[in-house]
Amino acid sequence: MRLTTIDRGDRMVNKLFLRFVGWSSRRAAPGVLKTLHYRSSFWGRPYSSLLHDVMRGPSDWTAGERELFAAFTSSLLACRF
């Protein structure tokens, strides 16, 4: 069961953004996008910052290699992202 707040967004700006994404793509916004925009000050921004550091920060691997590792892991877990 999903909370309807996550599907709709918790603030007006989030609701409008999720509706725009749904309208422009002619599909419901992906779950990961809904999660990032649900209480974005608590969950979205800190997670996005961490993800950016991991995927684009200093590393022996290029950003492309890290993206490839993430895509491969997602495919193993049957995740679209």
PDB file of N, CA and C in Angstrom:
ATOM      1  N   MET A   1       0.840  -1.185   0.000  1.00  0.00           N
ATOM      2  CA  MET A   1       0.000   0.000   0.000  1.00  0.00           C
ATOM      3  C   MET A   1       0.878   1.238   0.000  1.00  0.00           C
ATOM      4  N   ARG A   2       0.604   2.163  -0.876  1.00  0.00           N
ATOM      5  CA  ARG A   2       1.354   3.419  -0.939  1.00  0.00           C
ATOM      6  C   ARG A   2       0.547   4.509  -0.254  1.00  0.00           C
ATOM      7  N   LEU A   3       1.258   5.405   0.382  1.00  0.00           N
ATOM      8  CA  LEU A   3       0.593   6.567   0.940  1.00  0.00           C
ATOM      9  C   LEU A   3       0.208   7.504  -0.194  1.00  0.00           C
ATOM     10  N   THR A   4      -1.012   8.011  -0.162  1.00  0.00           N
ATOM     11  CA  THR A   4      -1.444   8.912  -1.235  1.00  0.00           C
ATOM     12  C   THR A   4      -0.623  10.188  -1.240  1.00  0.00           C
ATOM     13  N   THR A   5      -0.091  10.586  -0.095  1.00  0.00           N
ATOM     14  CA  THR A   5       0.734  11.783  -0.027  1.00  0.00           C
ATOM     15  C   THR A   5       1.976  11.638  -0.888  1.00  0.00           C
ATOM     16  N   ILE A   6       2.558  10.453  -0.933  1.00  0.00           N
ATOM     17  CA  ILE A   6       3.740  10.232  -1.760  1.00  0.00           C
ATOM     18  C   ILE A   6       3.366  10.324  -3.233  1.00  0.00           C
ATOM     19  N   ASP A   7       2.229   9.791  -3.612  1.00  0.00           N
ATOM     20  CA  ASP A   7       1.798   9.842  -5.004  1.00  0.00           C
ATOM     21  C   ASP A   7       1.460  11.258  -5.448  1.00  0.00           C
ATOM     22  N   ARG A   8       0.925  12.068  -4.549  1.00  0.00           N
ATOM     23  CA  ARG A   8       0.502  13.428  -4.917  1.00  0.00           C
ATOM     24  C   ARG A   8       1.551  14.480  -4.599  1.00  0.00           C
ATOM     25  N   GLY A   9       2.410  14.238  -3.620  1.00  0.00           N
ATOM     26  CA  GLY A   9       3.336  15.263  -3.146  1.00  0.00           C
ATOM     27  C   GLY A   9       2.801  15.876  -1.868  1.00  0.00           C
ATOM     28  N   ASP A  10       3.693  16.374  -1.018  1.00  0.00           N
ATOM     29  CA  ASP A  10       3.247  16.893   0.272  1.00  0.00           C
ATOM     30  C   ASP A  10       3.105  18.411   0.280  1.00  0.00           C
ATOM     31  N   ARG A  11       3.749  19.117  -0.630  1.00  0.00           N
ATOM     32  CA  ARG A  11       3.616  20.570  -0.716  1.00  0.00           C
ATOM     33  C   ARG A  11       3.113  20.933  -2.111  1.00  0.00           C
ATOM     34  N   MET A  12       2.552  22.123  -2.238  1.00  0.00           N
ATOM     35  CA  MET A  12       1.964  22.529  -3.512  1.00  0.00           C
ATOM     36  C   MET A  12       2.987  22.483  -4.638  1.00  0.00           C
ATOM     37  N   VAL A  13       4.192  22.952  -4.394  1.00  0.00           N
ATOM     38  CA  VAL A  13       5.205  22.945  -5.452  1.00  0.00           C
ATOM     39  C   VAL A  13       5.534  21.517  -5.885  1.00  0.00           C
ATOM     40  N   ASN A  14       5.560  20.587  -4.950  1.00  0.00           N
ATOM     41  CA  ASN A  14       5.811  19.177  -5.285  1.00  0.00           C
ATOM     42  C   ASN A  14       4.638  18.579  -6.052  1.00  0.00           C
ATOM     43  N   LYS A  15       3.416  18.927  -5.636  1.00  0.00           N
ATOM     44  CA  LYS A  15       2.234  18.433  -6.337  1.00  0.00           C
ATOM     45  C   LYS A  15       2.240  18.896  -7.793  1.00  0.00           C
ATOM     46  N   LEU A  16       2.546  20.183  -7.982  1.00  0.00           N
ATOM     47  CA  LEU A  16       2.579  20.723  -9.339  1.00  0.00           C
ATOM     48  C   LEU A  16       3.676  20.074 -10.168  1.00  0.00           C
ATOM     49  N   PHE A  17       4.846  19.865  -9.568  1.00  0.00           N
ATOM     50  CA  PHE A  17       5.953  19.242 -10.285  1.00  0.00           C
ATOM     51  C   PHE A  17       5.598  17.822 -10.712  1.00  0.00           C
ATOM     52  N   LEU A  18       5.039  17.022  -9.799  1.00  0.00           N
ATOM     53  CA  LEU A  18       4.686  15.645 -10.128  1.00  0.00           C
ATOM     54  C   LEU A  18       3.579  15.589 -11.186  1.00  0.00           C
ATOM     55  N   ARG A  19       2.642  16.526 -11.121  1.00  0.00           N
ATOM     56  CA  ARG A  19       1.607  16.582 -12.162  1.00  0.00           C
ATOM     57  C   ARG A  19       2.214  16.943 -13.510  1.00  0.00           C
ATOM     58  N   PHE A  20       3.151  17.899 -13.506  1.00  0.00           N
ATOM     59  CA  PHE A  20       3.798  18.285 -14.758  1.00  0.00           C
ATOM     60  C   PHE A  20       4.569  17.113 -15.357  1.00  0.00           C
ATOM     61  N   VAL A  21       5.298  16.387 -14.522  1.00  0.00           N
ATOM     62  CA  VAL A  21       6.043  15.223 -15.016  1.00  0.00           C
ATOM     63  C   VAL A  21       5.078  14.204 -15.613  1.00  0.00           C
ATOM     64  N   GLY A  22       3.995  13.927 -14.917  1.00  0.00           N
ATOM     65  CA  GLY A  22       2.995  12.991 -15.433  1.00  0.00           C
ATOM     66  C   GLY A  22       2.366  13.459 -16.725  1.00  0.00           C
ATOM     67  N   TRP A  23       2.048  14.756 -16.794  1.00  0.00           N
ATOM     68  CA  TRP A  23       1.443  15.305 -17.996  1.00  0.00           C
ATOM     69  C   TRP A  23       2.417  15.275 -19.172  1.00  0.00           C
ATOM     70  N   SER A  24       3.654  15.696 -18.938  1.00  0.00           N
ATOM     71  CA  SER A  24       4.612  15.793 -20.041  1.00  0.00           C
ATOM     72  C   SER A  24       5.089  14.423 -20.530  1.00  0.00           C
ATOM     73  N   SER A  25       5.150  13.437 -19.635  1.00  0.00           N
ATOM     74  CA  SER A  25       5.609  12.111 -20.049  1.00  0.00           C
ATOM     75  C   SER A  25       4.445  11.176 -20.391  1.00  0.00           C
ATOM     76  N   ARG A  26       3.229  11.620 -20.081  1.00  0.00           N
ATOM     77  CA  ARG A  26       2.015  10.822 -20.297  1.00  0.00           C
ATOM     78  C   ARG A  26       2.041   9.521 -19.512  1.00  0.00           C
ATOM     79  N   ARG A  27       2.770   9.549 -18.411  1.00  0.00           N
ATOM     80  CA  ARG A  27       2.842   8.422 -17.473  1.00  0.00           C
ATOM     81  C   ARG A  27       2.930   8.991 -16.070  1.00  0.00           C
ATOM     82  N   ALA A  28       2.667   8.159 -15.100  1.00  0.00           N
ATOM     83  CA  ALA A  28       2.852   8.590 -13.715  1.00  0.00           C
ATOM     84  C   ALA A  28       4.340   8.816 -13.457  1.00  0.00           C
ATOM     85  N   ALA A  29       4.636   9.760 -12.607  1.00  0.00           N
ATOM     86  CA  ALA A  29       6.035  10.019 -12.250  1.00  0.00           C
ATOM     87  C   ALA A  29       6.633   8.763 -11.631  1.00  0.00           C
ATOM     88  N   PRO A  30       7.901   8.468 -11.925  1.00  0.00           N
ATOM     89  CA  PRO A  30       8.536   7.273 -11.349  1.00  0.00           C
ATOM     90  C   PRO A  30       8.589   7.354  -9.817  1.00  0.00           C
ATOM     91  N   GLY A  31       8.578   6.190  -9.188  1.00  0.00           N
ATOM     92  CA  GLY A  31       8.593   6.124  -7.727  1.00  0.00           C
ATOM     93  C   GLY A  31       9.796   6.816  -7.108  1.00  0.00           C
ATOM     94  N   VAL A  32      10.964   6.707  -7.751  1.00  0.00           N
ATOM     95  CA  VAL A  32      12.155   7.335  -7.183  1.00  0.00           C
ATOM     96  C   VAL A  32      12.000   8.855  -7.186  1.00  0.00           C
ATOM     97  N   LEU A  33      11.367   9.401  -8.210  1.00  0.00           N
ATOM     98  CA  LEU A  33      11.141  10.838  -8.265  1.00  0.00           C
ATOM     99  C   LEU A  33      10.149  11.271  -7.194  1.00  0.00           C
ATOM    100  N   LYS A  34       9.115  10.472  -6.989  1.00  0.00           N
ATOM    101  CA  LYS A  34       8.138  10.770  -5.942  1.00  0.00           C
ATOM    102  C   LYS A  34       8.805  10.747  -4.575  1.00  0.00           C
ATOM    103  N   THR A  35       9.689   9.789  -4.364  1.00  0.00           N
ATOM    104  CA  THR A  35      10.379   9.676  -3.083  1.00  0.00           C
ATOM    105  C   THR A  35      11.271  10.881  -2.835  1.00  0.00           C
ATOM    106  N   LEU A  36      12.005  11.304  -3.857  1.00  0.00           N
ATOM    107  CA  LEU A  36      12.901  12.452  -3.701  1.00  0.00           C
ATOM    108  C   LEU A  36      12.134  13.745  -3.415  1.00  0.00           C
ATOM    109  N   HIS A  37      10.915  13.837  -3.923  1.00  0.00           N
ATOM    110  CA  HIS A  37      10.131  15.053  -3.714  1.00  0.00           C
ATOM    111  C   HIS A  37       9.196  14.976  -2.516  1.00  0.00           C
ATOM    112  N   TYR A  38       9.164  13.851  -1.841  1.00  0.00           N
ATOM    113  CA  TYR A  38       8.359  13.736  -0.622  1.00  0.00           C
ATOM    114  C   TYR A  38       9.205  14.238   0.540  1.00  0.00           C
ATOM    115  N   ARG A  39       8.772  15.290   1.150  1.00  0.00           N
ATOM    116  CA  ARG A  39       9.528  15.934   2.232  1.00  0.00           C
ATOM    117  C   ARG A  39      10.980  16.132   1.805  1.00  0.00           C
ATOM    118  N   SER A  40      11.138  16.863   0.734  1.00  0.00           N
ATOM    119  CA  SER A  40      12.453  17.013   0.116  1.00  0.00           C
ATOM    120  C   SER A  40      13.501  17.608   1.049  1.00  0.00           C
ATOM    121  N   SER A  41      13.096  18.441   1.991  1.00  0.00           N
ATOM    122  CA  SER A  41      14.092  19.005   2.914  1.00  0.00           C
ATOM    123  C   SER A  41      14.631  17.943   3.873  1.00  0.00           C
ATOM    124  N   PHE A  42      13.823  16.922   4.161  1.00  0.00           N
ATOM    125  CA  PHE A  42      14.248  15.867   5.070  1.00  0.00           C
ATOM    126  C   PHE A  42      14.917  14.718   4.331  1.00  0.00           C
ATOM    127  N   TRP A  43      14.341  14.329   3.196  1.00  0.00           N
ATOM    128  CA  TRP A  43      14.819  13.144   2.488  1.00  0.00           C
ATOM    129  C   TRP A  43      15.504  13.491   1.178  1.00  0.00           C
ATOM    130  N   GLY A  44      14.873  14.275   0.345  1.00  0.00           N
ATOM    131  CA  GLY A  44      15.350  14.504  -1.010  1.00  0.00           C
ATOM    132  C   GLY A  44      16.693  15.187  -1.115  1.00  0.00           C
ATOM    133  N   ARG A  45      16.855  16.322  -0.452  1.00  0.00           N
ATOM    134  CA  ARG A  45      18.116  17.062  -0.571  1.00  0.00           C
ATOM    135  C   ARG A  45      19.299  16.316   0.029  1.00  0.00           C
ATOM    136  N   PRO A  46      19.202  15.785   1.251  1.00  0.00           N
ATOM    137  CA  PRO A  46      20.354  15.041   1.785  1.00  0.00           C
ATOM    138  C   PRO A  46      20.724  13.826   0.930  1.00  0.00           C
ATOM    139  N   TYR A  47      19.726  13.088   0.456  1.00  0.00           N
ATOM    140  CA  TYR A  47      20.005  11.919  -0.372  1.00  0.00           C
ATOM    141  C   TYR A  47      20.617  12.327  -1.709  1.00  0.00           C
ATOM    142  N   SER A  48      20.057  13.368  -2.316  1.00  0.00           N
ATOM    143  CA  SER A  48      20.588  13.834  -3.592  1.00  0.00           C
ATOM    144  C   SER A  48      22.028  14.312  -3.451  1.00  0.00           C
ATOM    145  N   SER A  49      22.325  14.976  -2.350  1.00  0.00           N
ATOM    146  CA  SER A  49      23.693  15.434  -2.103  1.00  0.00           C
ATOM    147  C   SER A  49      24.646  14.251  -1.950  1.00  0.00           C
ATOM    148  N   LEU A  50      24.239  13.268  -1.187  1.00  0.00           N
ATOM    149  CA  LEU A  50      25.059  12.068  -1.008  1.00  0.00           C
ATOM    150  C   LEU A  50      25.247  11.340  -2.336  1.00  0.00           C
ATOM    151  N   LEU A  51      24.175  11.189  -3.087  1.00  0.00           N
ATOM    152  CA  LEU A  51      24.249  10.516  -4.374  1.00  0.00           C
ATOM    153  C   LEU A  51      25.183  11.258  -5.332  1.00  0.00           C
ATOM    154  N   HIS A  52      25.103  12.574  -5.318  1.00  0.00           N
ATOM    155  CA  HIS A  52      25.994  13.364  -6.173  1.00  0.00           C
ATOM    156  C   HIS A  52      27.461  13.153  -5.781  1.00  0.00           C
ATOM    157  N   ASP A  53      27.734  13.162  -4.490  1.00  0.00           N
ATOM    158  CA  ASP A  53      29.109  12.940  -4.024  1.00  0.00           C
ATOM    159  C   ASP A  53      29.624  11.561  -4.434  1.00  0.00           C
ATOM    160  N   VAL A  54      28.773  10.562  -4.315  1.00  0.00           N
ATOM    161  CA  VAL A  54      29.181   9.194  -4.660  1.00  0.00           C
ATOM    162  C   VAL A  54      29.387   9.044  -6.161  1.00  0.00           C
ATOM    163  N   MET A  55      28.487   9.601  -6.954  1.00  0.00           N
ATOM    164  CA  MET A  55      28.540   9.397  -8.401  1.00  0.00           C
ATOM    165  C   MET A  55      29.478  10.367  -9.124  1.00  0.00           C
ATOM    166  N   ARG A  56      29.734  11.543  -8.537  1.00  0.00           N
ATOM    167  CA  ARG A  56      30.544  12.537  -9.238  1.00  0.00           C
ATOM    168  C   ARG A  56      31.768  13.003  -8.459  1.00  0.00           C
ATOM    169  N   GLY A  57      31.918  12.551  -7.238  1.00  0.00           N
ATOM    170  CA  GLY A  57      33.052  12.966  -6.416  1.00  0.00           C
ATOM    171  C   GLY A  57      34.346  12.289  -6.837  1.00  0.00           C
ATOM    172  N   PRO A  58      35.424  12.584  -6.140  1.00  0.00           N
ATOM    173  CA  PRO A  58      36.722  11.984  -6.473  1.00  0.00           C
ATOM    174  C   PRO A  58      36.670  10.457  -6.386  1.00  0.00           C
ATOM    175  N   SER A  59      37.267   9.811  -7.374  1.00  0.00           N
ATOM    176  CA  SER A  59      37.262   8.350  -7.423  1.00  0.00           C
ATOM    177  C   SER A  59      38.268   7.876  -8.456  1.00  0.00           C
ATOM    178  N   ASP A  60      38.684   6.628  -8.339  1.00  0.00           N
ATOM    179  CA  ASP A  60      39.523   6.020  -9.363  1.00  0.00           C
ATOM    180  C   ASP A  60      38.707   5.681 -10.610  1.00  0.00           C
ATOM    181  N   TRP A  61      37.379   5.610 -10.469  1.00  0.00           N
ATOM    182  CA  TRP A  61      36.496   5.285 -11.581  1.00  0.00           C
ATOM    183  C   TRP A  61      35.932   6.563 -12.190  1.00  0.00           C
ATOM    184  N   THR A  62      35.697   6.541 -13.477  1.00  0.00           N
ATOM    185  CA  THR A  62      35.076   7.691 -14.139  1.00  0.00           C
ATOM    186  C   THR A  62      33.590   7.737 -13.783  1.00  0.00           C
ATOM    187  N   ALA A  63      32.969   8.888 -14.054  1.00  0.00           N
ATOM    188  CA  ALA A  63      31.524   9.006 -13.813  1.00  0.00           C
ATOM    189  C   ALA A  63      30.759   8.001 -14.670  1.00  0.00           C
ATOM    190  N   GLY A  64      31.213   7.781 -15.899  1.00  0.00           N
ATOM    191  CA  GLY A  64      30.562   6.806 -16.780  1.00  0.00           C
ATOM    192  C   GLY A  64      30.637   5.388 -16.241  1.00  0.00           C
ATOM    193  N   GLU A  65      31.802   5.024 -15.684  1.00  0.00           N
ATOM    194  CA  GLU A  65      31.940   3.682 -15.103  1.00  0.00           C
ATOM    195  C   GLU A  65      31.017   3.523 -13.906  1.00  0.00           C
ATOM    196  N   ARG A  66      30.915   4.553 -13.085  1.00  0.00           N
ATOM    197  CA  ARG A  66      30.016   4.475 -11.923  1.00  0.00           C
ATOM    198  C   ARG A  66      28.565   4.359 -12.363  1.00  0.00           C
ATOM    199  N   GLU A  67      28.183   5.090 -13.422  1.00  0.00           N
ATOM    200  CA  GLU A  67      26.826   4.980 -13.954  1.00  0.00           C
ATOM    201  C   GLU A  67      26.566   3.568 -14.481  1.00  0.00           C
ATOM    202  N   LEU A  68      27.565   3.003 -15.145  1.00  0.00           N
ATOM    203  CA  LEU A  68      27.429   1.642 -15.666  1.00  0.00           C
ATOM    204  C   LEU A  68      27.272   0.633 -14.528  1.00  0.00           C
ATOM    205  N   PHE A  69      28.047   0.782 -13.461  1.00  0.00           N
ATOM    206  CA  PHE A  69      27.916  -0.103 -12.290  1.00  0.00           C
ATOM    207  C   PHE A  69      26.519   0.020 -11.686  1.00  0.00           C
ATOM    208  N   ALA A  70      26.017   1.249 -11.588  1.00  0.00           N
ATOM    209  CA  ALA A  70      24.682   1.465 -11.025  1.00  0.00           C
ATOM    210  C   ALA A  70      23.609   0.834 -11.909  1.00  0.00           C
ATOM    211  N   ALA A  71      23.743   0.995 -13.225  1.00  0.00           N
ATOM    212  CA  ALA A  71      22.768   0.408 -14.144  1.00  0.00           C
ATOM    213  C   ALA A  71      22.803  -1.117 -14.093  1.00  0.00           C
ATOM    214  N   PHE A  72      23.994  -1.677 -14.023  1.00  0.00           N
ATOM    215  CA  PHE A  72      24.128  -3.135 -13.950  1.00  0.00           C
ATOM    216  C   PHE A  72      23.504  -3.665 -12.651  1.00  0.00           C
ATOM    217  N   THR A  73      23.792  -3.004 -11.543  1.00  0.00           N
ATOM    218  CA  THR A  73      23.222  -3.415 -10.259  1.00  0.00           C
ATOM    219  C   THR A  73      21.701  -3.324 -10.296  1.00  0.00           C
ATOM    220  N   SER A  74      21.181  -2.243 -10.874  1.00  0.00           N
ATOM    221  CA  SER A  74      19.731  -2.087 -10.991  1.00  0.00           C
ATOM    222  C   SER A  74      19.117  -3.205 -11.816  1.00  0.00           C
ATOM    223  N   SER A  75      19.801  -3.588 -12.901  1.00  0.00           N
ATOM    224  CA  SER A  75      19.254  -4.667 -13.730  1.00  0.00           C
ATOM    225  C   SER A  75      19.254  -5.995 -12.983  1.00  0.00           C
ATOM    226  N   LEU A  76      20.280  -6.237 -12.176  1.00  0.00           N
ATOM    227  CA  LEU A  76      20.307  -7.459 -11.384  1.00  0.00           C
ATOM    228  C   LEU A  76      19.170  -7.505 -10.372  1.00  0.00           C
ATOM    229  N   LEU A  77      18.806  -6.331  -9.865  1.00  0.00           N
ATOM    230  CA  LEU A  77      17.742  -6.240  -8.865  1.00  0.00           C
ATOM    231  C   LEU A  77      16.366  -6.018  -9.499  1.00  0.00           C
ATOM    232  N   ALA A  78      16.316  -6.098 -10.846  1.00  0.00           N
ATOM    233  CA  ALA A  78      15.066  -5.895 -11.588  1.00  0.00           C
ATOM    234  C   ALA A  78      14.444  -4.528 -11.291  1.00  0.00           C
ATOM    235  N   CYS A  79      15.297  -3.528 -11.185  1.00  0.00           N
ATOM    236  CA  CYS A  79      14.875  -2.156 -10.928  1.00  0.00           C
ATOM    237  C   CYS A  79      15.077  -1.346 -12.211  1.00  0.00           C
ATOM    238  N   ARG A  80      14.145  -0.479 -12.551  1.00  0.00           N
ATOM    239  CA  ARG A  80      14.252   0.286 -13.786  1.00  0.00           C
ATOM    240  C   ARG A  80      15.264   1.426 -13.683  1.00  0.00           C
ATOM    241  N   PHE A  81      15.772   1.717 -12.518  1.00  0.00           N
ATOM    242  CA  PHE A  81      16.636   2.891 -12.358  1.00  0.00           C
ATOM    243  C   PHE A  81      18.073   2.501 -12.149  1.00  0.00           C
TER     244      PHE A  81
END
